[in-house]
Structure formats: structure tokens, C-alpha cells
PDB file of N, CA and C in Angstrom:
ATOM      1  N   MET A   1    -167.220 204.402   5.273  1.00  0.00           N
ATOM      2  CA  MET A   1    -166.913 203.101   5.820  1.00  0.00           C
ATOM      3  C   MET A   1    -166.589 202.113   4.687  1.00  0.00           C
ATOM      4  N   ARG A   2    -167.397 202.181   3.633  1.00  0.00           N
ATOM      5  CA  ARG A   2    -167.194 201.264   2.510  1.00  0.00           C
ATOM      6  C   ARG A   2    -165.835 201.509   1.845  1.00  0.00           C
ATOM      7  N   ARG A   3    -165.429 202.777   1.727  1.00  0.00           N
ATOM      8  CA  ARG A   3    -164.135 203.114   1.134  1.00  0.00           C
ATOM      9  C   ARG A   3    -162.993 202.570   1.985  1.00  0.00           C
ATOM     10  N   THR A   4    -163.142 202.623   3.276  1.00  0.00           N
ATOM     11  CA  THR A   4    -162.107 202.107   4.177  1.00  0.00           C
ATOM     12  C   THR A   4    -161.938 200.603   3.996  1.00  0.00           C
ATOM     13  N   ILE A   5    -163.035 199.896   3.873  1.00  0.00           N
ATOM     14  CA  ILE A   5    -162.984 198.440   3.678  1.00  0.00           C
ATOM     15  C   ILE A   5    -162.329 198.107   2.336  1.00  0.00           C
ATOM     16  N   ILE A   6    -162.686 198.831   1.295  1.00  0.00           N
ATOM     17  CA  ILE A   6    -162.101 198.599  -0.028  1.00  0.00           C
ATOM     18  C   ILE A   6    -160.603 198.903  -0.004  1.00  0.00           C
ATOM     19  N   ALA A   7    -160.225 200.013   0.622  1.00  0.00           N
ATOM     20  CA  ALA A   7    -158.802 200.378   0.708  1.00  0.00           C
ATOM     21  C   ALA A   7    -158.016 199.319   1.485  1.00  0.00           C
ATOM     22  N   ALA A   8    -158.605 198.825   2.578  1.00  0.00           N
ATOM     23  CA  ALA A   8    -157.931 197.790   3.371  1.00  0.00           C
ATOM     24  C   ALA A   8    -157.791 196.498   2.566  1.00  0.00           C
ATOM     25  N   ALA A   9    -158.818 196.131   1.820  1.00  0.00           N
ATOM     26  CA  ALA A   9    -158.767 194.918   0.996  1.00  0.00           C
ATOM     27  C   ALA A   9    -157.699 195.036  -0.081  1.00  0.00           C
ATOM     28  N   LEU A  10    -157.613 196.192  -0.715  1.00  0.00           N
ATOM     29  CA  LEU A  10    -156.584 196.404  -1.735  1.00  0.00           C
ATOM     30  C   LEU A  10    -155.195 196.347  -1.123  1.00  0.00           C
ATOM     31  N   GLY A  11    -155.046 196.909   0.059  1.00  0.00           N
ATOM     32  CA  GLY A  11    -153.756 196.854   0.755  1.00  0.00           C
ATOM     33  C   GLY A  11    -153.343 195.430   1.049  1.00  0.00           C
ATOM     34  N   LEU A  12    -154.284 194.586   1.432  1.00  0.00           N
ATOM     35  CA  LEU A  12    -153.978 193.180   1.714  1.00  0.00           C
ATOM     36  C   LEU A  12    -153.598 192.422   0.451  1.00  0.00           C
ATOM     37  N   LEU A  13    -154.155 192.826  -0.673  1.00  0.00           N
ATOM     38  CA  LEU A  13    -153.802 192.181  -1.937  1.00  0.00           C
ATOM     39  C   LEU A  13    -152.353 192.456  -2.330  1.00  0.00           C
ATOM     40  N   LEU A  14    -151.828 193.600  -1.944  1.00  0.00           N
ATOM     41  CA  LEU A  14    -150.461 193.968  -2.308  1.00  0.00           C
ATOM     42  C   LEU A  14    -149.411 193.270  -1.446  1.00  0.00           C
ATOM     43  N   VAL A  15    -149.744 192.846  -0.260  1.00  0.00           N
ATOM     44  CA  VAL A  15    -148.786 192.199   0.631  1.00  0.00           C
ATOM     45  C   VAL A  15    -148.213 190.919   0.022  1.00  0.00           C
ATOM     46  N   PRO A  16    -149.015 190.001  -0.501  1.00  0.00           N
ATOM     47  CA  PRO A  16    -148.436 188.793  -1.080  1.00  0.00           C
ATOM     48  C   PRO A  16    -147.538 189.062  -2.286  1.00  0.00           C
ATOM     49  N   VAL A  17    -147.828 190.089  -3.073  1.00  0.00           N
ATOM     50  CA  VAL A  17    -146.994 190.410  -4.228  1.00  0.00           C
ATOM     51  C   VAL A  17    -145.592 190.793  -3.758  1.00  0.00           C
ATOM     52  N   THR A  18    -145.502 191.601  -2.729  1.00  0.00           N
ATOM     53  CA  THR A  18    -144.206 191.995  -2.183  1.00  0.00           C
ATOM     54  C   THR A  18    -143.474 190.779  -1.634  1.00  0.00           C
ATOM     55  N   ALA A  19    -144.179 189.913  -0.950  1.00  0.00           N
ATOM     56  CA  ALA A  19    -143.552 188.740  -0.352  1.00  0.00           C
ATOM     57  C   ALA A  19    -143.035 187.768  -1.415  1.00  0.00           C
ATOM     58  N   LEU A  20    -143.609 187.807  -2.606  1.00  0.00           N
ATOM     59  CA  LEU A  20    -143.197 186.891  -3.662  1.00  0.00           C
ATOM     60  C   LEU A  20    -142.053 187.427  -4.518  1.00  0.00           C
ATOM     61  N   ALA A  21    -141.599 188.660  -4.249  1.00  0.00           N
ATOM     62  CA  ALA A  21    -140.520 189.238  -5.054  1.00  0.00           C
ATOM     63  C   ALA A  21    -139.279 188.350  -4.959  1.00  0.00           C
ATOM     64  N   LYS A  22    -138.670 188.086  -6.115  1.00  0.00           N
ATOM     65  CA  LYS A  22    -137.499 187.214  -6.160  1.00  0.00           C
ATOM     66  C   LYS A  22    -136.226 188.031  -5.981  1.00  0.00           C
ATOM     67  N   ASP A  23    -135.227 187.396  -5.388  1.00  0.00           N
ATOM     68  CA  ASP A  23    -133.919 188.015  -5.242  1.00  0.00           C
ATOM     69  C   ASP A  23    -133.141 187.899  -6.543  1.00  0.00           C
ATOM     70  N   THR A  24    -132.300 188.880  -6.795  1.00  0.00           N
ATOM     71  CA  THR A  24    -131.342 188.786  -7.887  1.00  0.00           C
ATOM     72  C   THR A  24    -130.239 187.855  -7.417  1.00  0.00           C
ATOM     73  N   ARG A  25    -129.835 186.911  -8.282  1.00  0.00           N
ATOM     74  CA  ARG A  25    -128.846 185.906  -7.874  1.00  0.00           C
ATOM     75  C   ARG A  25    -127.787 185.706  -8.952  1.00  0.00           C
ATOM     76  N   PHE A  26    -126.588 185.374  -8.480  1.00  0.00           N
ATOM     77  CA  PHE A  26    -125.481 184.986  -9.340  1.00  0.00           C
ATOM     78  C   PHE A  26    -125.335 183.471  -9.249  1.00  0.00           C
ATOM     79  N   TRP A  27    -125.195 182.806 -10.389  1.00  0.00           N
ATOM     80  CA  TRP A  27    -125.031 181.353 -10.457  1.00  0.00           C
ATOM     81  C   TRP A  27    -123.615 181.064 -10.929  1.00  0.00           C
ATOM     82  N   ASN A  28    -122.822 180.439 -10.063  1.00  0.00           N
ATOM     83  CA  ASN A  28    -121.426 180.158 -10.366  1.00  0.00           C
ATOM     84  C   ASN A  28    -121.301 178.911 -11.237  1.00  0.00           C
ATOM     85  N   LEU A  29    -121.021 179.122 -12.511  1.00  0.00           N
ATOM     86  CA  LEU A  29    -120.804 178.006 -13.425  1.00  0.00           C
ATOM     87  C   LEU A  29    -119.334 177.938 -13.856  1.00  0.00           C
ATOM     88  N   THR A  30    -118.457 178.541 -13.034  1.00  0.00           N
ATOM     89  CA  THR A  30    -117.024 178.407 -13.269  1.00  0.00           C
ATOM     90  C   THR A  30    -116.566 177.085 -12.654  1.00  0.00           C
ATOM     91  N   ALA A  31    -115.312 176.747 -12.873  1.00  0.00           N
ATOM     92  CA  ALA A  31    -114.789 175.459 -12.395  1.00  0.00           C
ATOM     93  C   ALA A  31    -114.438 175.455 -10.911  1.00  0.00           C
ATOM     94  N   ASN A  32    -114.338 176.638 -10.301  1.00  0.00           N
ATOM     95  CA  ASN A  32    -113.837 176.719  -8.926  1.00  0.00           C
ATOM     96  C   ASN A  32    -114.759 177.503  -8.003  1.00  0.00           C
ATOM     97  N   THR A  33    -114.502 177.377  -6.710  1.00  0.00           N
ATOM     98  CA  THR A  33    -115.217 178.146  -5.703  1.00  0.00           C
ATOM     99  C   THR A  33    -114.747 179.598  -5.764  1.00  0.00           C
ATOM    100  N   ILE A  34    -115.685 180.518  -5.790  1.00  0.00           N
ATOM    101  CA  ILE A  34    -115.383 181.943  -5.834  1.00  0.00           C
ATOM    102  C   ILE A  34    -115.317 182.473  -4.408  1.00  0.00           C
ATOM    103  N   THR A  35    -114.243 183.233  -4.128  1.00  0.00           N
ATOM    104  CA  THR A  35    -114.034 183.774  -2.779  1.00  0.00           C
ATOM    105  C   THR A  35    -114.293 185.275  -2.698  1.00  0.00           C
ATOM    106  N   SER A  36    -114.365 185.940  -3.832  1.00  0.00           N
ATOM    107  CA  SER A  36    -114.665 187.372  -3.873  1.00  0.00           C
ATOM    108  C   SER A  36    -115.385 187.665  -5.189  1.00  0.00           C
ATOM    109  N   LEU A  37    -116.449 188.462  -5.127  1.00  0.00           N
ATOM    110  CA  LEU A  37    -117.191 188.834  -6.330  1.00  0.00           C
ATOM    111  C   LEU A  37    -117.669 190.275  -6.172  1.00  0.00           C
ATOM    112  N   GLN A  38    -117.272 191.119  -7.123  1.00  0.00           N
ATOM    113  CA  GLN A  38    -117.658 192.527  -7.093  1.00  0.00           C
ATOM    114  C   GLN A  38    -118.220 192.941  -8.446  1.00  0.00           C
ATOM    115  N   LEU A  39    -119.053 193.964  -8.419  1.00  0.00           N
ATOM    116  CA  LEU A  39    -119.701 194.466  -9.626  1.00  0.00           C
ATOM    117  C   LEU A  39    -119.365 195.936  -9.814  1.00  0.00           C
ATOM    118  N   SER A  40    -119.270 196.346 -11.059  1.00  0.00           N
ATOM    119  CA  SER A  40    -119.082 197.756 -11.406  1.00  0.00           C
ATOM    120  C   SER A  40    -119.924 198.050 -12.641  1.00  0.00           C
ATOM    121  N   PRO A  41    -120.584 199.211 -12.683  1.00  0.00           N
ATOM    122  CA  PRO A  41    -121.253 199.559 -13.935  1.00  0.00           C
ATOM    123  C   PRO A  41    -120.237 199.416 -15.077  1.00  0.00           C
ATOM    124  N   ALA A  42    -120.666 198.871 -16.187  1.00  0.00           N
ATOM    125  CA  ALA A  42    -119.759 198.543 -17.291  1.00  0.00           C
ATOM    126  C   ALA A  42    -118.844 199.714 -17.638  1.00  0.00           C
ATOM    127  N   GLY A  43    -117.531 199.418 -17.649  1.00  0.00           N
ATOM    128  CA  GLY A  43    -116.532 200.395 -18.038  1.00  0.00           C
ATOM    129  C   GLY A  43    -116.188 201.452 -17.004  1.00  0.00           C
ATOM    130  N   LYS A  44    -116.779 201.416 -15.820  1.00  0.00           N
ATOM    131  CA  LYS A  44    -116.590 202.474 -14.820  1.00  0.00           C
ATOM    132  C   LYS A  44    -115.474 202.181 -13.809  1.00  0.00           C
ATOM    133  N   ASN A  45    -115.097 200.935 -13.616  1.00  0.00           N
ATOM    134  CA  ASN A  45    -114.061 200.563 -12.640  1.00  0.00           C
ATOM    135  C   ASN A  45    -114.390 201.107 -11.241  1.00  0.00           C
ATOM    136  N   ASP A  46    -115.666 201.028 -10.866  1.00  0.00           N
ATOM    137  CA  ASP A  46    -116.169 201.506  -9.571  1.00  0.00           C
ATOM    138  C   ASP A  46    -116.794 200.299  -8.864  1.00  0.00           C
ATOM    139  N   TRP A  47    -115.952 199.504  -8.194  1.00  0.00           N
ATOM    140  CA  TRP A  47    -116.356 198.186  -7.700  1.00  0.00           C
ATOM    141  C   TRP A  47    -117.197 198.254  -6.440  1.00  0.00           C
ATOM    142  N   SER A  48    -118.199 197.409  -6.373  1.00  0.00           N
ATOM    143  CA  SER A  48    -119.101 197.303  -5.229  1.00  0.00           C
ATOM    144  C   SER A  48    -118.424 196.572  -4.076  1.00  0.00           C
ATOM    145  N   LYS A  49    -119.163 196.430  -3.000  1.00  0.00           N
ATOM    146  CA  LYS A  49    -118.699 195.599  -1.882  1.00  0.00           C
ATOM    147  C   LYS A  49    -118.571 194.166  -2.363  1.00  0.00           C
ATOM    148  N   ASN A  50    -117.901 193.351  -1.596  1.00  0.00           N
ATOM    149  CA  ASN A  50    -117.750 191.937  -1.918  1.00  0.00           C
ATOM    150  C   ASN A  50    -119.086 191.227  -1.706  1.00  0.00           C
ATOM    151  N   GLN A  51    -119.699 190.794  -2.779  1.00  0.00           N
ATOM    152  CA  GLN A  51    -121.016 190.155  -2.701  1.00  0.00           C
ATOM    153  C   GLN A  51    -120.968 188.785  -2.016  1.00  0.00           C
ATOM    154  N   THR A  52    -119.791 188.147  -1.957  1.00  0.00           N
ATOM    155  CA  THR A  52    -119.732 186.845  -1.269  1.00  0.00           C
ATOM    156  C   THR A  52    -119.991 187.000   0.227  1.00  0.00           C
ATOM    157  N   ASP A  53    -119.938 188.221   0.742  1.00  0.00           N
ATOM    158  CA  ASP A  53    -120.302 188.455   2.145  1.00  0.00           C
ATOM    159  C   ASP A  53    -121.774 188.131   2.393  1.00  0.00           C
ATOM    160  N   ASN A  54    -122.577 188.012   1.336  1.00  0.00           N
ATOM    161  CA  ASN A  54    -124.000 187.674   1.464  1.00  0.00           C
ATOM    162  C   ASN A  54    -124.225 186.187   1.714  1.00  0.00           C
ATOM    163  N   ASP A  55    -123.171 185.377   1.637  1.00  0.00           N
ATOM    164  CA  ASP A  55    -123.280 183.927   1.821  1.00  0.00           C
ATOM    165  C   ASP A  55    -122.770 183.547   3.205  1.00  0.00           C
ATOM    166  N   ASN A  56    -123.358 182.512   3.797  1.00  0.00           N
ATOM    167  CA  ASN A  56    -122.967 182.088   5.145  1.00  0.00           C
ATOM    168  C   ASN A  56    -121.486 181.772   5.269  1.00  0.00           C
ATOM    169  N   ASP A  57    -120.905 181.085   4.274  1.00  0.00           N
ATOM    170  CA  ASP A  57    -119.478 180.741   4.359  1.00  0.00           C
ATOM    171  C   ASP A  57    -118.612 181.693   3.529  1.00  0.00           C
ATOM    172  N   ARG A  58    -119.228 182.758   3.012  1.00  0.00           N
ATOM    173  CA  ARG A  58    -118.538 183.812   2.261  1.00  0.00           C
ATOM    174  C   ARG A  58    -117.801 183.301   1.022  1.00  0.00           C
ATOM    175  N   THR A  59    -118.327 182.226   0.452  1.00  0.00           N
ATOM    176  CA  THR A  59    -117.814 181.704  -0.814  1.00  0.00           C
ATOM    177  C   THR A  59    -118.999 181.270  -1.665  1.00  0.00           C
ATOM    178  N   VAL A  60    -118.728 181.049  -2.965  1.00  0.00           N
ATOM    179  CA  VAL A  60    -119.759 180.557  -3.872  1.00  0.00           C
ATOM    180  C   VAL A  60    -119.170 179.352  -4.592  1.00  0.00           C
ATOM    181  N   ASP A  61    -119.591 178.166  -4.181  1.00  0.00           N
ATOM    182  CA  ASP A  61    -119.104 176.931  -4.791  1.00  0.00           C
ATOM    183  C   ASP A  61    -119.602 176.812  -6.228  1.00  0.00           C
ATOM    184  N   HIS A  62    -118.942 175.930  -7.005  1.00  0.00           N
ATOM    185  CA  HIS A  62    -119.421 175.623  -8.351  1.00  0.00           C
ATOM    186  C   HIS A  62    -120.883 175.184  -8.255  1.00  0.00           C
ATOM    187  N   ASP A  63    -121.730 175.701  -9.114  1.00  0.00           N
ATOM    188  CA  ASP A  63    -123.158 175.380  -9.210  1.00  0.00           C
ATOM    189  C   ASP A  63    -123.982 175.918  -8.031  1.00  0.00           C
ATOM    190  N   GLU A  64    -123.399 176.800  -7.239  1.00  0.00           N
ATOM    191  CA  GLU A  64    -124.133 177.438  -6.146  1.00  0.00           C
ATOM    192  C   GLU A  64    -124.628 178.802  -6.611  1.00  0.00           C
ATOM    193  N   ARG A  65    -125.712 179.265  -6.012  1.00  0.00           N
ATOM    194  CA  ARG A  65    -126.255 180.582  -6.319  1.00  0.00           C
ATOM    195  C   ARG A  65    -126.049 181.509  -5.131  1.00  0.00           C
ATOM    196  N   LEU A  66    -125.796 182.767  -5.436  1.00  0.00           N
ATOM    197  CA  LEU A  66    -125.494 183.774  -4.432  1.00  0.00           C
ATOM    198  C   LEU A  66    -126.464 184.935  -4.570  1.00  0.00           C
ATOM    199  N   LYS A  67    -127.048 185.359  -3.468  1.00  0.00           N
ATOM    200  CA  LYS A  67    -127.928 186.529  -3.463  1.00  0.00           C
ATOM    201  C   LYS A  67    -127.086 187.786  -3.696  1.00  0.00           C
ATOM    202  N   ILE A  68    -127.527 188.610  -4.634  1.00  0.00           N
ATOM    203  CA  ILE A  68    -126.865 189.876  -4.949  1.00  0.00           C
ATOM    204  C   ILE A  68    -127.687 191.008  -4.339  1.00  0.00           C
ATOM    205  N   THR A  69    -127.009 191.898  -3.614  1.00  0.00           N
ATOM    206  CA  THR A  69    -127.719 192.999  -2.954  1.00  0.00           C
ATOM    207  C   THR A  69    -127.192 194.340  -3.437  1.00  0.00           C
ATOM    208  N   ASP A  70    -127.995 195.369  -3.203  1.00  0.00           N
ATOM    209  CA  ASP A  70    -127.618 196.755  -3.493  1.00  0.00           C
ATOM    210  C   ASP A  70    -127.161 196.959  -4.937  1.00  0.00           C
ATOM    211  N   THR A  71    -127.833 196.313  -5.866  1.00  0.00           N
ATOM    212  CA  THR A  71    -127.456 196.391  -7.275  1.00  0.00           C
ATOM    213  C   THR A  71    -128.704 196.574  -8.123  1.00  0.00           C
ATOM    214  N   ALA A  72    -128.781 197.697  -8.820  1.00  0.00           N
ATOM    215  CA  ALA A  72    -129.909 197.957  -9.711  1.00  0.00           C
ATOM    216  C   ALA A  72    -129.716 197.184 -11.016  1.00  0.00           C
ATOM    217  N   ALA A  73    -130.797 197.017 -11.747  1.00  0.00           N
ATOM    218  CA  ALA A  73    -130.704 196.373 -13.058  1.00  0.00           C
ATOM    219  C   ALA A  73    -129.797 197.201 -13.960  1.00  0.00           C
ATOM    220  N   GLY A  74    -129.056 196.502 -14.817  1.00  0.00           N
ATOM    221  CA  GLY A  74    -128.172 197.201 -15.736  1.00  0.00           C
ATOM    222  C   GLY A  74    -127.104 196.279 -16.285  1.00  0.00           C
ATOM    223  N   VAL A  75    -126.108 196.866 -16.921  1.00  0.00           N
ATOM    224  CA  VAL A  75    -124.995 196.115 -17.485  1.00  0.00           C
ATOM    225  C   VAL A  75    -123.771 196.391 -16.619  1.00  0.00           C
ATOM    226  N   TYR A  76    -123.133 195.324 -16.170  1.00  0.00           N
ATOM    227  CA  TYR A  76    -122.032 195.423 -15.214  1.00  0.00           C
ATOM    228  C   TYR A  76    -120.817 194.635 -15.684  1.00  0.00           C
ATOM    229  N   ASP A  77    -119.650 195.073 -15.212  1.00  0.00           N
ATOM    230  CA  ASP A  77    -118.453 194.256 -15.274  1.00  0.00           C
ATOM    231  C   ASP A  77    -118.418 193.482 -13.963  1.00  0.00           C
ATOM    232  N   VAL A  78    -118.059 192.203 -14.032  1.00  0.00           N
ATOM    233  CA  VAL A  78    -118.011 191.358 -12.846  1.00  0.00           C
ATOM    234  C   VAL A  78    -116.563 190.949 -12.618  1.00  0.00           C
ATOM    235  N   LYS A  79    -116.062 191.261 -11.422  1.00  0.00           N
ATOM    236  CA  LYS A  79    -114.695 190.899 -11.052  1.00  0.00           C
ATOM    237  C   LYS A  79    -114.767 189.861  -9.944  1.00  0.00           C
ATOM    238  N   PHE A  80    -114.022 188.766 -10.121  1.00  0.00           N
ATOM    239  CA  PHE A  80    -114.021 187.759  -9.066  1.00  0.00           C
ATOM    240  C   PHE A  80    -112.639 187.140  -8.902  1.00  0.00           C
ATOM    241  N   THR A  81    -112.448 186.564  -7.729  1.00  0.00           N
ATOM    242  CA  THR A  81    -111.265 185.776  -7.413  1.00  0.00           C
ATOM    243  C   THR A  81    -111.764 184.420  -6.945  1.00  0.00           C
ATOM    244  N   ASP A  82    -111.071 183.351  -7.377  1.00  0.00           N
ATOM    245  CA  ASP A  82    -111.487 182.021  -6.921  1.00  0.00           C
ATOM    246  C   ASP A  82    -110.458 181.442  -5.957  1.00  0.00           C
ATOM    247  N   LYS A  83    -110.764 180.273  -5.424  1.00  0.00           N
ATOM    248  CA  LYS A  83    -109.924 179.686  -4.374  1.00  0.00           C
ATOM    249  C   LYS A  83    -108.529 179.307  -4.863  1.00  0.00           C
ATOM    250  N   THR A  84    -108.325 179.239  -6.179  1.00  0.00           N
ATOM    251  CA  THR A  84    -106.992 178.958  -6.713  1.00  0.00           C
ATOM    252  C   THR A  84    -106.147 180.223  -6.807  1.00  0.00           C
ATOM    253  N   GLY A  85    -106.742 181.385  -6.542  1.00  0.00           N
ATOM    254  CA  GLY A  85    -106.048 182.660  -6.651  1.00  0.00           C
ATOM    255  C   GLY A  85    -106.221 183.334  -7.999  1.00  0.00           C
ATOM    256  N   ARG A  86    -106.944 182.695  -8.888  1.00  0.00           N
ATOM    257  CA  ARG A  86    -107.193 183.267 -10.213  1.00  0.00           C
ATOM    258  C   ARG A  86    -108.137 184.456 -10.080  1.00  0.00           C
ATOM    259  N   SER A  87    -107.806 185.567 -10.766  1.00  0.00           N
ATOM    260  CA  SER A  87    -108.653 186.763 -10.794  1.00  0.00           C
ATOM    261  C   SER A  87    -109.138 186.984 -12.217  1.00  0.00           C
ATOM    262  N   CYS A  88    -110.420 187.289 -12.353  1.00  0.00           N
ATOM    263  CA  CYS A  88    -111.012 187.500 -13.674  1.00  0.00           C
ATOM    264  C   CYS A  88    -111.930 188.709 -13.641  1.00  0.00           C
ATOM    265  N   VAL A  89    -112.019 189.377 -14.780  1.00  0.00           N
ATOM    266  CA  VAL A  89    -113.023 190.415 -14.981  1.00  0.00           C
ATOM    267  C   VAL A  89    -113.821 190.010 -16.221  1.00  0.00           C
ATOM    268  N   VAL A  90    -115.123 189.897 -16.055  1.00  0.00           N
ATOM    269  CA  VAL A  90    -116.011 189.557 -17.164  1.00  0.00           C
ATOM    270  C   VAL A  90    -116.811 190.813 -17.490  1.00  0.00           C
ATOM    271  N   PRO A  91    -116.600 191.379 -18.674  1.00  0.00           N
ATOM    272  CA  PRO A  91    -117.265 192.639 -19.010  1.00  0.00           C
ATOM    273  C   PRO A  91    -118.694 192.443 -19.517  1.00  0.00           C
ATOM    274  N   ASN A  92    -119.468 193.489 -19.337  1.00  0.00           N
ATOM    275  CA  ASN A  92    -120.793 193.619 -19.960  1.00  0.00           C
ATOM    276  C   ASN A  92    -121.755 192.473 -19.665  1.00  0.00           C
ATOM    277  N   VAL A  93    -121.950 192.193 -18.377  1.00  0.00           N
ATOM    278  CA  VAL A  93    -122.903 191.169 -17.945  1.00  0.00           C
ATOM    279  C   VAL A  93    -124.221 191.873 -17.615  1.00  0.00           C
ATOM    280  N   GLU A  94    -125.293 191.437 -18.258  1.00  0.00           N
ATOM    281  CA  GLU A  94    -126.595 192.046 -17.994  1.00  0.00           C
ATOM    282  C   GLU A  94    -127.192 191.454 -16.721  1.00  0.00           C
ATOM    283  N   ILE A  95    -127.601 192.342 -15.816  1.00  0.00           N
ATOM    284  CA  ILE A  95    -128.230 191.930 -14.565  1.00  0.00           C
ATOM    285  C   ILE A  95    -129.638 192.508 -14.539  1.00  0.00           C
ATOM    286  N   LYS A  96    -130.610 191.615 -14.342  1.00  0.00           N
ATOM    287  CA  LYS A  96    -132.016 192.014 -14.257  1.00  0.00           C
ATOM    288  C   LYS A  96    -132.502 191.768 -12.840  1.00  0.00           C
ATOM    289  N   THR A  97    -133.253 192.709 -12.311  1.00  0.00           N
ATOM    290  CA  THR A  97    -133.783 192.588 -10.964  1.00  0.00           C
ATOM    291  C   THR A  97    -134.654 191.336 -10.850  1.00  0.00           C
ATOM    292  N   GLY A  98    -134.376 190.523  -9.833  1.00  0.00           N
ATOM    293  CA  GLY A  98    -135.162 189.319  -9.585  1.00  0.00           C
ATOM    294  C   GLY A  98    -134.807 188.145 -10.469  1.00  0.00           C
ATOM    295  N   ALA A  99    -133.769 188.276 -11.281  1.00  0.00           N
ATOM    296  CA  ALA A  99    -133.378 187.192 -12.194  1.00  0.00           C
ATOM    297  C   ALA A  99    -132.027 186.609 -11.774  1.00  0.00           C
ATOM    298  N   VAL A 100    -131.686 185.503 -12.399  1.00  0.00           N
ATOM    299  CA  VAL A 100    -130.400 184.850 -12.165  1.00  0.00           C
ATOM    300  C   VAL A 100    -129.490 185.162 -13.348  1.00  0.00           C
ATOM    301  N   PHE A 101    -128.249 185.560 -13.048  1.00  0.00           N
ATOM    302  CA  PHE A 101    -127.239 185.701 -14.093  1.00  0.00           C
ATOM    303  C   PHE A 101    -126.098 184.761 -13.751  1.00  0.00           C
ATOM    304  N   SER A 102    -125.387 184.302 -14.753  1.00  0.00           N
ATOM    305  CA  SER A 102    -124.327 183.329 -14.512  1.00  0.00           C
ATOM    306  C   SER A 102    -123.073 183.682 -15.287  1.00  0.00           C
ATOM    307  N   ILE A 103    -121.975 183.078 -14.850  1.00  0.00           N
ATOM    308  CA  ILE A 103    -120.712 183.153 -15.576  1.00  0.00           C
ATOM    309  C   ILE A 103    -120.230 181.725 -15.742  1.00  0.00           C
ATOM    310  N   GLU A 104    -119.970 181.351 -16.987  1.00  0.00           N
ATOM    311  CA  GLU A 104    -119.517 180.000 -17.296  1.00  0.00           C
ATOM    312  C   GLU A 104    -118.013 179.986 -17.515  1.00  0.00           C
ATOM    313  N   GLU A 105    -117.401 178.878 -17.208  1.00  0.00           N
ATOM    314  CA  GLU A 105    -115.963 178.715 -17.361  1.00  0.00           C
ATOM    315  C   GLU A 105    -115.517 179.039 -18.786  1.00  0.00           C
ATOM    316  N   LYS A 106    -116.267 178.586 -19.771  1.00  0.00           N
ATOM    317  CA  LYS A 106    -115.859 178.787 -21.166  1.00  0.00           C
ATOM    318  C   LYS A 106    -115.889 180.255 -21.587  1.00  0.00           C
ATOM    319  N   ALA A 107    -116.536 181.123 -20.808  1.00  0.00           N
ATOM    320  CA  ALA A 107    -116.606 182.542 -21.134  1.00  0.00           C
ATOM    321  C   ALA A 107    -115.413 183.326 -20.579  1.00  0.00           C
ATOM    322  N   LEU A 108    -114.570 182.680 -19.795  1.00  0.00           N
ATOM    323  CA  LEU A 108    -113.471 183.382 -19.132  1.00  0.00           C
ATOM    324  C   LEU A 108    -112.267 183.529 -20.054  1.00  0.00           C
ATOM    325  N   LYS A 109    -111.816 184.767 -20.168  1.00  0.00           N
ATOM    326  CA  LYS A 109    -110.635 185.086 -20.975  1.00  0.00           C
ATOM    327  C   LYS A 109    -109.851 186.145 -20.224  1.00  0.00           C
ATOM    328  N   GLY A 110    -108.559 186.099 -20.318  1.00  0.00           N
ATOM    329  CA  GLY A 110    -107.752 187.149 -19.709  1.00  0.00           C
ATOM    330  C   GLY A 110    -107.706 187.129 -18.200  1.00  0.00           C
ATOM    331  N   CYS A 111    -107.837 185.974 -17.590  1.00  0.00           N
ATOM    332  CA  CYS A 111    -107.728 185.877 -16.141  1.00  0.00           C
ATOM    333  C   CYS A 111    -106.252 185.833 -15.765  1.00  0.00           C
ATOM    334  N   SER A 112    -105.948 186.215 -14.535  1.00  0.00           N
ATOM    335  CA  SER A 112    -104.560 186.181 -14.080  1.00  0.00           C
ATOM    336  C   SER A 112    -104.447 185.485 -12.733  1.00  0.00           C
ATOM    337  N   LYS A 113    -103.252 185.055 -12.424  1.00  0.00           N
ATOM    338  CA  LYS A 113    -102.987 184.442 -11.110  1.00  0.00           C
ATOM    339  C   LYS A 113    -102.002 185.242 -10.357  1.00  0.00           C
TER     340      LYS A 113
END
């Protein structure tokens, strides 16, 4: 009986830890609203689903954060298109589970329209 009570108490202690887990998020620090954002393991050209589908209006405004799903921690290339039609690929972005990663306008090179 005592073991059952201890096991139940330990189980209850683990519930709040799970509930406090943070989402991995992308923070848009580019100049424009992003309309499509995909990830690929660095150098693999194997693009994920459009992550902007995780947002209610399916876009990520400047200074807005977007929940990233189905992505393990690692180094990724990030491909996005913004509302002006500009397409960019930002290589070697480190993504950590439960953390925020960002892309700044000044880091963009080699974008096309």
C-alpha cells in the first residue's frame, strides 16, 4: 500500500513538469511578413511542411513568434517567402527544443524575387 502511494505521488510530481514544457518557436526579425517557412536538415534540401500553417492567419508578422512543430533539435536550413514575394534560404540555423530561434533582416543574403 505504501509503495502505491509513493508511486502515485511521484507520478503527480511529473505532471506539472510536462505541462511546463516550452514550445520551440521562430521569431521573425525580418522586415516583412512571412507567408511560408520550411526547414531542412542543413545541406539536405529535404523541406518540411509549411510551418506558417501553425498560425491562425498562416503568416508571421515582423516581431511575431511562430510555434514550430515536428522538428527535432539540430542544425537546419530555413527557407521562407515573404509577402513581397522575396524568397530566402538561411543556412545552418541552430534549433534547440523549447527555445526561440530568429532570423534578422541583416543576416539575409542571396534572396530572390
